[in-house]
PDB file of all heavy atoms in Angstrom:
ATOM      1  N   ALA A   1      49.114  31.977  80.963  1.00  0.00           N
ATOM      2  CA  ALA A   1      50.014  31.033  80.296  1.00  0.00           C
ATOM      3  C   ALA A   1      49.448  29.612  80.292  1.00  0.00           C
ATOM      4  O   ALA A   1      49.626  28.866  79.328  1.00  0.00           O
ATOM      5  CB  ALA A   1      51.383  31.051  80.976  1.00  0.00           C
ATOM      6  N   THR A   2      48.768  29.221  81.377  1.00  0.00           N
ATOM      7  CA  THR A   2      48.165  27.880  81.455  1.00  0.00           C
ATOM      8  C   THR A   2      46.781  27.846  80.823  1.00  0.00           C
ATOM      9  O   THR A   2      46.218  26.775  80.621  1.00  0.00           O
ATOM     10  CB  THR A   2      48.020  27.432  82.916  1.00  0.00           C
ATOM     11  OG1 THR A   2      47.160  28.360  83.608  1.00  0.00           O
ATOM     12  CG2 THR A   2      49.362  27.351  83.615  1.00  0.00           C
ATOM     13  N   MET A   3      46.214  29.008  80.544  1.00  0.00           N
ATOM     14  CA  MET A   3      44.841  29.214  80.075  1.00  0.00           C
ATOM     15  C   MET A   3      43.802  28.888  81.135  1.00  0.00           C
ATOM     16  O   MET A   3      42.607  28.818  80.857  1.00  0.00           O
ATOM     17  CB  MET A   3      44.554  28.474  78.765  1.00  0.00           C
ATOM     18  CG  MET A   3      45.319  29.052  77.578  1.00  0.00           C
ATOM     19  SD  MET A   3      44.600  28.690  75.964  1.00  0.00           S
ATOM     20  CE  MET A   3      43.119  29.713  76.004  1.00  0.00           C
ATOM     21  N   VAL A   4      44.247  28.701  82.373  1.00  0.00           N
ATOM     22  CA  VAL A   4      43.308  28.590  83.498  1.00  0.00           C
ATOM     23  C   VAL A   4      42.512  29.884  83.627  1.00  0.00           C
ATOM     24  O   VAL A   4      41.325  29.877  83.974  1.00  0.00           O
ATOM     25  CB  VAL A   4      44.066  28.277  84.805  1.00  0.00           C
ATOM     26  CG1 VAL A   4      43.227  28.599  86.030  1.00  0.00           C
ATOM     27  CG2 VAL A   4      44.480  26.801  84.835  1.00  0.00           C
ATOM     28  N   ASN A   5      43.174  31.007  83.330  1.00  0.00           N
ATOM     29  CA  ASN A   5      42.492  32.297  83.411  1.00  0.00           C
ATOM     30  C   ASN A   5      41.234  32.316  82.550  1.00  0.00           C
ATOM     31  O   ASN A   5      40.195  32.855  82.940  1.00  0.00           O
ATOM     32  CB  ASN A   5      43.450  33.402  82.964  1.00  0.00           C
ATOM     33  CG  ASN A   5      42.975  34.786  83.362  1.00  0.00           C
ATOM     34  OD1 ASN A   5      42.567  34.997  84.495  1.00  0.00           O
ATOM     35  ND2 ASN A   5      43.010  35.715  82.431  1.00  0.00           N
ATOM     36  N   LYS A   6      41.324  31.710  81.360  1.00  0.00           N
ATOM     37  CA  LYS A   6      40.167  31.712  80.464  1.00  0.00           C
ATOM     38  C   LYS A   6      39.065  30.812  81.016  1.00  0.00           C
ATOM     39  O   LYS A   6      37.873  31.122  80.862  1.00  0.00           O
ATOM     40  CB  LYS A   6      40.588  31.252  79.067  1.00  0.00           C
ATOM     41  CG  LYS A   6      39.711  31.763  77.957  1.00  0.00           C
ATOM     42  CD  LYS A   6      39.497  33.275  77.985  1.00  0.00           C
ATOM     43  CE  LYS A   6      40.761  34.090  78.097  1.00  0.00           C
ATOM     44  NZ  LYS A   6      40.497  35.548  78.126  1.00  0.00           N
ATOM     45  N   ALA A   7      39.443  29.722  81.665  1.00  0.00           N
ATOM     46  CA  ALA A   7      38.444  28.862  82.298  1.00  0.00           C
ATOM     47  C   ALA A   7      37.716  29.610  83.408  1.00  0.00           C
ATOM     48  O   ALA A   7      36.483  29.516  83.550  1.00  0.00           O
ATOM     49  CB  ALA A   7      39.108  27.607  82.855  1.00  0.00           C
ATOM     50  N   LEU A   8      38.466  30.368  84.208  1.00  0.00           N
ATOM     51  CA  LEU A   8      37.845  31.170  85.264  1.00  0.00           C
ATOM     52  C   LEU A   8      36.901  32.205  84.664  1.00  0.00           C
ATOM     53  O   LEU A   8      35.819  32.468  85.200  1.00  0.00           O
ATOM     54  CB  LEU A   8      38.922  31.857  86.105  1.00  0.00           C
ATOM     55  CG  LEU A   8      39.844  30.933  86.916  1.00  0.00           C
ATOM     56  CD1 LEU A   8      40.988  31.740  87.528  1.00  0.00           C
ATOM     57  CD2 LEU A   8      39.077  30.200  88.010  1.00  0.00           C
ATOM     58  N   GLU A   9      37.295  32.781  83.533  1.00  0.00           N
ATOM     59  CA  GLU A   9      36.455  33.793  82.893  1.00  0.00           C
ATOM     60  C   GLU A   9      35.178  33.179  82.319  1.00  0.00           C
ATOM     61  O   GLU A   9      34.128  33.832  82.303  1.00  0.00           O
ATOM     62  CB  GLU A   9      37.245  34.511  81.800  1.00  0.00           C
ATOM     63  CG  GLU A   9      38.311  35.438  82.372  1.00  0.00           C
ATOM     64  CD  GLU A   9      39.194  36.051  81.301  1.00  0.00           C
ATOM     65  OE1 GLU A   9      38.925  35.799  80.099  1.00  0.00           O
ATOM     66  OE2 GLU A   9      40.133  36.772  81.653  1.00  0.00           O
ATOM     67  N   VAL A  10      35.251  31.949  81.838  1.00  0.00           N
ATOM     68  CA  VAL A  10      34.040  31.256  81.373  1.00  0.00           C
ATOM     69  C   VAL A  10      33.055  31.111  82.532  1.00  0.00           C
ATOM     70  O   VAL A  10      31.858  31.411  82.401  1.00  0.00           O
ATOM     71  CB  VAL A  10      34.391  29.870  80.782  1.00  0.00           C
ATOM     72  CG1 VAL A  10      33.123  29.019  80.591  1.00  0.00           C
ATOM     73  CG2 VAL A  10      35.116  30.018  79.449  1.00  0.00           C
ATOM     74  N   MET A  11      33.565  30.660  83.691  1.00  0.00           N
ATOM     75  CA  MET A  11      32.685  30.479  84.856  1.00  0.00           C
ATOM     76  C   MET A  11      32.145  31.812  85.347  1.00  0.00           C
ATOM     77  O   MET A  11      30.984  31.911  85.767  1.00  0.00           O
ATOM     78  CB  MET A  11      33.450  29.744  85.968  1.00  0.00           C
ATOM     79  CG  MET A  11      33.699  28.275  85.654  1.00  0.00           C
ATOM     80  SD  MET A  11      34.452  27.381  87.037  1.00  0.00           S
ATOM     81  CE  MET A  11      36.181  27.580  86.648  1.00  0.00           C
ATOM     82  N   GLU A  12      32.983  32.861  85.293  1.00  0.00           N
ATOM     83  CA  GLU A  12      32.535  34.177  85.720  1.00  0.00           C
ATOM     84  C   GLU A  12      31.441  34.704  84.788  1.00  0.00           C
ATOM     85  O   GLU A  12      30.430  35.258  85.234  1.00  0.00           O
ATOM     86  CB  GLU A  12      33.725  35.142  85.732  1.00  0.00           C
ATOM     87  CG  GLU A  12      33.414  36.504  86.310  1.00  0.00           C
ATOM     88  CD  GLU A  12      34.637  37.413  86.304  1.00  0.00           C
ATOM     89  OE1 GLU A  12      35.688  37.037  85.749  1.00  0.00           O
ATOM     90  OE2 GLU A  12      34.516  38.528  86.849  1.00  0.00           O
ATOM     91  N   ALA A  13      31.642  34.527  83.475  1.00  0.00           N
ATOM     92  CA  ALA A  13      30.662  35.003  82.498  1.00  0.00           C
ATOM     93  C   ALA A  13      29.326  34.298  82.668  1.00  0.00           C
ATOM     94  O   ALA A  13      28.267  34.901  82.458  1.00  0.00           O
ATOM     95  CB  ALA A  13      31.194  34.794  81.083  1.00  0.00           C
ATOM     96  N   ARG A  14      29.359  33.027  83.054  1.00  0.00           N
ATOM     97  CA  ARG A  14      28.127  32.276  83.256  1.00  0.00           C
ATOM     98  C   ARG A  14      27.214  32.987  84.262  1.00  0.00           C
ATOM     99  O   ARG A  14      25.995  33.063  84.099  1.00  0.00           O
ATOM    100  CB  ARG A  14      28.474  30.860  83.731  1.00  0.00           C
ATOM    101  CG  ARG A  14      27.281  29.981  84.085  1.00  0.00           C
ATOM    102  CD  ARG A  14      27.096  29.915  85.607  1.00  0.00           C
ATOM    103  NE  ARG A  14      25.973  29.055  85.956  1.00  0.00           N
ATOM    104  CZ  ARG A  14      24.719  29.466  86.020  1.00  0.00           C
ATOM    105  NH1 ARG A  14      24.414  30.712  85.720  1.00  0.00           N
ATOM    106  NH2 ARG A  14      23.751  28.635  86.363  1.00  0.00           N
ATOM    107  N   TRP A  15      27.807  33.527  85.342  1.00  0.00           N
ATOM    108  CA  TRP A  15      27.035  34.206  86.382  1.00  0.00           C
ATOM    109  C   TRP A  15      26.725  35.647  86.020  1.00  0.00           C
ATOM    110  O   TRP A  15      25.608  36.137  86.264  1.00  0.00           O
ATOM    111  CB  TRP A  15      27.783  34.148  87.712  1.00  0.00           C
ATOM    112  CG  TRP A  15      27.858  32.759  88.263  1.00  0.00           C
ATOM    113  CD1 TRP A  15      28.966  31.961  88.350  1.00  0.00           C
ATOM    114  CD2 TRP A  15      26.766  31.987  88.769  1.00  0.00           C
ATOM    115  NE1 TRP A  15      28.634  30.740  88.874  1.00  0.00           N
ATOM    116  CE2 TRP A  15      27.287  30.720  89.146  1.00  0.00           C
ATOM    117  CE3 TRP A  15      25.398  32.224  88.924  1.00  0.00           C
ATOM    118  CZ2 TRP A  15      26.494  29.722  89.684  1.00  0.00           C
ATOM    119  CZ3 TRP A  15      24.596  31.230  89.463  1.00  0.00           C
ATOM    120  CH2 TRP A  15      25.149  29.986  89.838  1.00  0.00           C
ATOM    121  N   LEU A  16      27.688  36.349  85.442  1.00  0.00           N
ATOM    122  CA  LEU A  16      27.484  37.755  85.101  1.00  0.00           C
ATOM    123  C   LEU A  16      26.346  37.943  84.110  1.00  0.00           C
ATOM    124  O   LEU A  16      25.559  38.892  84.215  1.00  0.00           O
ATOM    125  CB  LEU A  16      28.762  38.342  84.512  1.00  0.00           C
ATOM    126  CG  LEU A  16      29.847  38.800  85.485  1.00  0.00           C
ATOM    127  CD1 LEU A  16      31.122  39.115  84.722  1.00  0.00           C
ATOM    128  CD2 LEU A  16      29.387  40.018  86.285  1.00  0.00           C
ATOM    129  N   PHE A  17      26.260  37.044  83.132  1.00  0.00           N
ATOM    130  CA  PHE A  17      25.334  37.245  82.023  1.00  0.00           C
ATOM    131  C   PHE A  17      24.207  36.215  81.981  1.00  0.00           C
ATOM    132  O   PHE A  17      23.436  36.195  81.025  1.00  0.00           O
ATOM    133  CB  PHE A  17      26.128  37.284  80.706  1.00  0.00           C
ATOM    134  CG  PHE A  17      27.243  38.284  80.746  1.00  0.00           C
ATOM    135  CD1 PHE A  17      28.574  37.878  80.757  1.00  0.00           C
ATOM    136  CD2 PHE A  17      26.968  39.644  80.824  1.00  0.00           C
ATOM    137  CE1 PHE A  17      29.606  38.802  80.826  1.00  0.00           C
ATOM    138  CE2 PHE A  17      27.993  40.575  80.889  1.00  0.00           C
ATOM    139  CZ  PHE A  17      29.310  40.165  80.893  1.00  0.00           C
ATOM    140  N   ASP A  18      24.125  35.377  83.024  1.00  0.00           N
ATOM    141  CA  ASP A  18      23.021  34.429  83.186  1.00  0.00           C
ATOM    142  C   ASP A  18      22.819  33.566  81.943  1.00  0.00           C
ATOM    143  O   ASP A  18      21.727  33.478  81.373  1.00  0.00           O
ATOM    144  CB  ASP A  18      21.727  35.188  83.523  1.00  0.00           C
ATOM    145  CG  ASP A  18      20.612  34.260  83.993  1.00  0.00           C
ATOM    146  OD1 ASP A  18      20.931  33.153  84.475  1.00  0.00           O
ATOM    147  OD2 ASP A  18      19.430  34.646  83.872  1.00  0.00           O
ATOM    148  N   VAL A  19      23.900  32.926  81.513  1.00  0.00           N
ATOM    149  CA  VAL A  19      23.851  32.007  80.373  1.00  0.00           C
ATOM    150  C   VAL A  19      24.446  30.671  80.801  1.00  0.00           C
ATOM    151  O   VAL A  19      25.112  30.566  81.832  1.00  0.00           O
ATOM    152  CB  VAL A  19      24.635  32.563  79.160  1.00  0.00           C
ATOM    153  CG1 VAL A  19      23.987  33.837  78.647  1.00  0.00           C
ATOM    154  CG2 VAL A  19      26.101  32.805  79.507  1.00  0.00           C
ATOM    155  N   GLY A  20      24.205  29.635  80.006  1.00  0.00           N
ATOM    156  CA  GLY A  20      24.777  28.330  80.295  1.00  0.00           C
ATOM    157  C   GLY A  20      26.241  28.258  79.890  1.00  0.00           C
ATOM    158  O   GLY A  20      26.693  28.985  79.003  1.00  0.00           O
ATOM    159  N   ILE A  21      26.978  27.381  80.543  1.00  0.00           N
ATOM    160  CA  ILE A  21      28.396  27.181  80.183  1.00  0.00           C
ATOM    161  C   ILE A  21      28.526  26.825  78.710  1.00  0.00           C
ATOM    162  O   ILE A  21      29.461  27.258  78.022  1.00  0.00           O
ATOM    163  CB  ILE A  21      29.017  26.073  81.068  1.00  0.00           C
ATOM    164  CG1 ILE A  21      29.111  26.531  82.523  1.00  0.00           C
ATOM    165  CG2 ILE A  21      30.401  25.679  80.546  1.00  0.00           C
ATOM    166  CD1 ILE A  21      30.154  27.578  82.799  1.00  0.00           C
ATOM    167  N   ASP A  22      27.571  26.050  78.189  1.00  0.00           N
ATOM    168  CA  ASP A  22      27.629  25.631  76.783  1.00  0.00           C
ATOM    169  C   ASP A  22      27.410  26.782  75.811  1.00  0.00           C
ATOM    170  O   ASP A  22      27.624  26.629  74.608  1.00  0.00           O
ATOM    171  CB  ASP A  22      26.599  24.533  76.520  1.00  0.00           C
ATOM    172  CG  ASP A  22      26.982  23.214  77.185  1.00  0.00           C
ATOM    173  OD1 ASP A  22      28.188  22.998  77.410  1.00  0.00           O
ATOM    174  OD2 ASP A  22      26.080  22.408  77.479  1.00  0.00           O
ATOM    175  N   GLN A  23      26.948  27.938  76.317  1.00  0.00           N
ATOM    176  CA  GLN A  23      26.753  29.110  75.459  1.00  0.00           C
ATOM    177  C   GLN A  23      27.986  30.014  75.426  1.00  0.00           C
ATOM    178  O   GLN A  23      27.946  31.075  74.806  1.00  0.00           O
ATOM    179  CB  GLN A  23      25.557  29.929  75.945  1.00  0.00           C
ATOM    180  CG  GLN A  23      24.208  29.301  75.693  1.00  0.00           C
ATOM    181  CD  GLN A  23      23.086  30.170  76.238  1.00  0.00           C
ATOM    182  OE1 GLN A  23      22.723  30.080  77.410  1.00  0.00           O
ATOM    183  NE2 GLN A  23      22.549  31.040  75.394  1.00  0.00           N
ATOM    184  N   ILE A  24      29.061  29.595  76.081  1.00  0.00           N
ATOM    185  CA  ILE A  24      30.275  30.408  76.141  1.00  0.00           C
ATOM    186  C   ILE A  24      31.410  29.649  75.458  1.00  0.00           C
ATOM    187  O   ILE A  24      31.811  28.578  75.905  1.00  0.00           O
ATOM    188  CB  ILE A  24      30.662  30.725  77.600  1.00  0.00           C
ATOM    189  CG1 ILE A  24      29.473  31.334  78.347  1.00  0.00           C
ATOM    190  CG2 ILE A  24      31.862  31.667  77.640  1.00  0.00           C
ATOM    191  CD1 ILE A  24      29.678  31.417  79.849  1.00  0.00           C
ATOM    192  N   ASP A  25      31.918  30.206  74.375  1.00  0.00           N
ATOM    193  CA  ASP A  25      32.980  29.559  73.600  1.00  0.00           C
ATOM    194  C   ASP A  25      34.269  30.366  73.676  1.00  0.00           C
ATOM    195  O   ASP A  25      34.321  31.505  73.171  1.00  0.00           O
ATOM    196  CB  ASP A  25      32.569  29.424  72.130  1.00  0.00           C
ATOM    197  CG  ASP A  25      31.451  28.430  71.924  1.00  0.00           C
ATOM    198  OD1 ASP A  25      31.251  27.573  72.797  1.00  0.00           O
ATOM    199  OD2 ASP A  25      30.765  28.524  70.873  1.00  0.00           O
ATOM    200  N   PRO A  26      35.321  29.819  74.302  1.00  0.00           N
ATOM    201  CA  PRO A  26      36.620  30.499  74.250  1.00  0.00           C
ATOM    202  C   PRO A  26      37.175  30.437  72.822  1.00  0.00           C
ATOM    203  O   PRO A  26      37.034  29.432  72.124  1.00  0.00           O
ATOM    204  CB  PRO A  26      37.496  29.669  75.204  1.00  0.00           C
ATOM    205  CG  PRO A  26      36.541  28.838  76.000  1.00  0.00           C
ATOM    206  CD  PRO A  26      35.352  28.601  75.118  1.00  0.00           C
ATOM    207  N   ILE A  27      37.788  31.528  72.394  1.00  0.00           N
ATOM    208  CA  ILE A  27      38.358  31.590  71.052  1.00  0.00           C
ATOM    209  C   ILE A  27      39.656  32.398  71.120  1.00  0.00           C
ATOM    210  O   ILE A  27      39.722  33.414  71.817  1.00  0.00           O
ATOM    211  CB  ILE A  27      37.349  32.212  70.055  1.00  0.00           C
ATOM    212  CG1 ILE A  27      37.905  32.198  68.632  1.00  0.00           C
ATOM    213  CG2 ILE A  27      36.930  33.614  70.475  1.00  0.00           C
ATOM    214  CD1 ILE A  27      36.864  32.598  67.580  1.00  0.00           C
ATOM    215  N   ILE A  28      40.680  31.921  70.437  1.00  0.00           N
ATOM    216  CA  ILE A  28      41.978  32.599  70.466  1.00  0.00           C
ATOM    217  C   ILE A  28      41.998  33.749  69.455  1.00  0.00           C
ATOM    218  O   ILE A  28      41.680  33.566  68.280  1.00  0.00           O
ATOM    219  CB  ILE A  28      43.132  31.619  70.146  1.00  0.00           C
ATOM    220  CG1 ILE A  28      43.119  30.424  71.098  1.00  0.00           C
ATOM    221  CG2 ILE A  28      44.477  32.349  70.197  1.00  0.00           C
ATOM    222  CD1 ILE A  28      43.358  30.776  72.531  1.00  0.00           C
ATOM    223  N   GLN A  29      42.334  34.944  69.937  1.00  0.00           N
ATOM    224  CA  GLN A  29      42.534  36.123  69.086  1.00  0.00           C
ATOM    225  C   GLN A  29      43.877  36.699  69.524  1.00  0.00           C
ATOM    226  O   GLN A  29      43.959  37.461  70.490  1.00  0.00           O
ATOM    227  CB  GLN A  29      41.377  37.099  69.282  1.00  0.00           C
ATOM    228  CG  GLN A  29      41.237  38.140  68.163  1.00  0.00           C
ATOM    229  CD  GLN A  29      42.272  39.241  68.261  1.00  0.00           C
ATOM    230  OE1 GLN A  29      42.236  40.073  69.145  1.00  0.00           O
ATOM    231  NE2 GLN A  29      43.222  39.228  67.328  1.00  0.00           N
ATOM    232  N   PRO A  30      44.959  36.291  68.864  1.00  0.00           N
ATOM    233  CA  PRO A  30      46.305  36.479  69.405  1.00  0.00           C
ATOM    234  C   PRO A  30      46.715  37.898  69.756  1.00  0.00           C
ATOM    235  O   PRO A  30      47.495  38.100  70.690  1.00  0.00           O
ATOM    236  CB  PRO A  30      47.207  35.916  68.289  1.00  0.00           C
ATOM    237  CG  PRO A  30      46.349  34.937  67.561  1.00  0.00           C
ATOM    238  CD  PRO A  30      44.973  35.534  67.592  1.00  0.00           C
ATOM    239  N   ARG A  31      46.194  38.902  69.067  1.00  0.00           N
ATOM    240  CA  ARG A  31      46.695  40.266  69.290  1.00  0.00           C
ATOM    241  C   ARG A  31      45.916  41.019  70.370  1.00  0.00           C
ATOM    242  O   ARG A  31      46.216  42.163  70.671  1.00  0.00           O
ATOM    243  CB  ARG A  31      46.677  41.056  67.976  1.00  0.00           C
ATOM    244  CG  ARG A  31      47.662  40.510  66.947  1.00  0.00           C
ATOM    245  CD  ARG A  31      47.708  41.349  65.699  1.00  0.00           C
ATOM    246  NE  ARG A  31      48.221  42.701  65.946  1.00  0.00           N
ATOM    247  CZ  ARG A  31      48.372  43.621  64.987  1.00  0.00           C
ATOM    248  NH1 ARG A  31      48.060  43.323  63.739  1.00  0.00           N
ATOM    249  NH2 ARG A  31      48.823  44.819  65.288  1.00  0.00           N
ATOM    250  N   SER A  32      44.906  40.385  70.955  1.00  0.00           N
ATOM    251  CA  SER A  32      44.103  41.017  72.021  1.00  0.00           C
ATOM    252  C   SER A  32      43.520  42.353  71.572  1.00  0.00           C
ATOM    253  O   SER A  32      43.519  43.339  72.318  1.00  0.00           O
ATOM    254  CB  SER A  32      44.944  41.209  73.291  1.00  0.00           C
ATOM    255  OG  SER A  32      45.387  39.985  73.792  1.00  0.00           O
ATOM    256  N   ILE A  33      42.999  42.385  70.357  1.00  0.00           N
ATOM    257  CA  ILE A  33      42.375  43.590  69.812  1.00  0.00           C
ATOM    258  C   ILE A  33      40.860  43.522  69.979  1.00  0.00           C
ATOM    259  O   ILE A  33      40.223  44.499  70.353  1.00  0.00           O
ATOM    260  CB  ILE A  33      42.759  43.776  68.329  1.00  0.00           C
ATOM    261  CG1 ILE A  33      44.243  44.132  68.241  1.00  0.00           C
ATOM    262  CG2 ILE A  33      41.889  44.824  67.655  1.00  0.00           C
ATOM    263  CD1 ILE A  33      44.809  44.077  66.852  1.00  0.00           C
ATOM    264  N   ILE A  34      40.286  42.343  69.679  1.00  0.00           N
ATOM    265  CA  ILE A  34      38.881  42.105  69.979  1.00  0.00           C
ATOM    266  C   ILE A  34      38.825  41.544  71.392  1.00  0.00           C
ATOM    267  O   ILE A  34      39.388  40.493  71.671  1.00  0.00           O
ATOM    268  CB  ILE A  34      38.237  41.126  68.981  1.00  0.00           C
ATOM    269  CG1 ILE A  34      38.215  41.741  67.583  1.00  0.00           C
ATOM    270  CG2 ILE A  34      36.826  40.766  69.432  1.00  0.00           C
ATOM    271  CD1 ILE A  34      37.588  40.856  66.537  1.00  0.00           C
ATOM    272  N   HIS A  35      38.138  42.228  72.281  1.00  0.00           N
ATOM    273  CA  HIS A  35      38.166  41.833  73.688  1.00  0.00           C
ATOM    274  C   HIS A  35      37.102  40.805  74.039  1.00  0.00           C
ATOM    275  O   HIS A  35      37.237  40.121  75.058  1.00  0.00           O
ATOM    276  CB  HIS A  35      38.067  43.074  74.572  1.00  0.00           C
ATOM    277  CG  HIS A  35      39.226  43.993  74.376  1.00  0.00           C
ATOM    278  ND1 HIS A  35      40.533  43.599  74.578  1.00  0.00           N
ATOM    279  CD2 HIS A  35      39.298  45.276  73.939  1.00  0.00           C
ATOM    280  CE1 HIS A  35      41.346  44.599  74.293  1.00  0.00           C
ATOM    281  NE2 HIS A  35      40.628  45.625  73.900  1.00  0.00           N
ATOM    282  N   SER A  36      36.081  40.692  73.238  1.00  0.00           N
ATOM    283  CA  SER A  36      35.108  39.597  73.262  1.00  0.00           C
ATOM    284  C   SER A  36      33.965  39.958  72.334  1.00  0.00           C
ATOM    285  O   SER A  36      33.848  41.105  71.876  1.00  0.00           O
ATOM    286  CB  SER A  36      34.583  39.286  74.674  1.00  0.00           C
ATOM    287  OG  SER A  36      35.433  38.352  75.321  1.00  0.00           O
ATOM    288  N   MET A  37      33.092  38.974  72.067  1.00  0.00           N
ATOM    289  CA  MET A  37      31.990  39.157  71.128  1.00  0.00           C
ATOM    290  C   MET A  37      30.744  38.456  71.654  1.00  0.00           C
ATOM    291  O   MET A  37      30.835  37.542  72.476  1.00  0.00           O
ATOM    292  CB  MET A  37      32.359  38.573  69.758  1.00  0.00           C
ATOM    293  CG  MET A  37      33.584  39.211  69.113  1.00  0.00           C
ATOM    294  SD  MET A  37      34.131  38.349  67.611  1.00  0.00           S
ATOM    295  CE  MET A  37      35.079  36.999  68.344  1.00  0.00           C
ATOM    296  N   VAL A  38      29.600  38.894  71.141  1.00  0.00           N
ATOM    297  CA  VAL A  38      28.333  38.233  71.434  1.00  0.00           C
ATOM    298  C   VAL A  38      27.633  37.928  70.117  1.00  0.00           C
ATOM    299  O   VAL A  38      27.499  38.820  69.259  1.00  0.00           O
ATOM    300  CB  VAL A  38      27.415  39.100  72.315  1.00  0.00           C
ATOM    301  CG1 VAL A  38      26.077  38.395  72.553  1.00  0.00           C
ATOM    302  CG2 VAL A  38      28.084  39.421  73.648  1.00  0.00           C
ATOM    303  N   GLU A  39      27.239  36.677  69.939  1.00  0.00           N
ATOM    304  CA  GLU A  39      26.447  36.278  68.779  1.00  0.00           C
ATOM    305  C   GLU A  39      24.986  36.204  69.201  1.00  0.00           C
ATOM    306  O   GLU A  39      24.664  35.632  70.249  1.00  0.00           O
ATOM    307  CB  GLU A  39      26.904  34.922  68.257  1.00  0.00           C
ATOM    308  CG  GLU A  39      26.130  34.460  67.027  1.00  0.00           C
ATOM    309  CD  GLU A  39      26.557  33.065  66.586  1.00  0.00           C
ATOM    310  OE1 GLU A  39      26.068  32.085  67.186  1.00  0.00           O
ATOM    311  OE2 GLU A  39      27.392  32.976  65.665  1.00  0.00           O
ATOM    312  N   PHE A  40      24.101  36.782  68.375  1.00  0.00           N
ATOM    313  CA  PHE A  40      22.682  36.799  68.675  1.00  0.00           C
ATOM    314  C   PHE A  40      21.943  35.776  67.829  1.00  0.00           C
ATOM    315  O   PHE A  40      22.497  35.241  66.858  1.00  0.00           O
ATOM    316  CB  PHE A  40      22.123  38.215  68.479  1.00  0.00           C
ATOM    317  CG  PHE A  40      22.772  39.218  69.405  1.00  0.00           C
ATOM    318  CD1 PHE A  40      23.874  39.962  68.992  1.00  0.00           C
ATOM    319  CD2 PHE A  40      22.312  39.385  70.695  1.00  0.00           C
ATOM    320  CE1 PHE A  40      24.493  40.868  69.847  1.00  0.00           C
ATOM    321  CE2 PHE A  40      22.920  40.283  71.567  1.00  0.00           C
ATOM    322  CZ  PHE A  40      24.007  41.026  71.138  1.00  0.00           C
ATOM    323  N   ARG A  41      20.716  35.491  68.214  1.00  0.00           N
ATOM    324  CA  ARG A  41      19.991  34.394  67.570  1.00  0.00           C
ATOM    325  C   ARG A  41      19.671  34.666  66.109  1.00  0.00           C
ATOM    326  O   ARG A  41      19.357  33.738  65.352  1.00  0.00           O
ATOM    327  CB  ARG A  41      18.724  34.079  68.348  1.00  0.00           C
ATOM    328  CG  ARG A  41      17.723  35.226  68.475  1.00  0.00           C
ATOM    329  CD  ARG A  41      16.599  34.857  69.406  1.00  0.00           C
ATOM    330  NE  ARG A  41      15.658  35.963  69.584  1.00  0.00           N
ATOM    331  CZ  ARG A  41      14.649  35.937  70.437  1.00  0.00           C
ATOM    332  NH1 ARG A  41      14.463  34.870  71.201  1.00  0.00           N
ATOM    333  NH2 ARG A  41      13.833  36.971  70.549  1.00  0.00           N
ATOM    334  N   ASP A  42      19.754  35.941  65.664  1.00  0.00           N
ATOM    335  CA  ASP A  42      19.543  36.227  64.238  1.00  0.00           C
ATOM    336  C   ASP A  42      20.824  36.083  63.428  1.00  0.00           C
ATOM    337  O   ASP A  42      20.840  36.325  62.222  1.00  0.00           O
ATOM    338  CB  ASP A  42      18.953  37.629  64.060  1.00  0.00           C
ATOM    339  CG  ASP A  42      19.895  38.745  64.537  1.00  0.00           C
ATOM    340  OD1 ASP A  42      20.973  38.418  65.082  1.00  0.00           O
ATOM    341  OD2 ASP A  42      19.549  39.931  64.364  1.00  0.00           O
TER     342      ASP A  42
END
């Protein structure tokens, strides 16, 4: 509800996937159907 959860997930993803914080973009998908995405350099 506070969206603190998403902030925690950003920090968690930084360590899990060895990327910079600036490479992680939170995005609202209201129906929770897409659980997350990865964009590649191509």
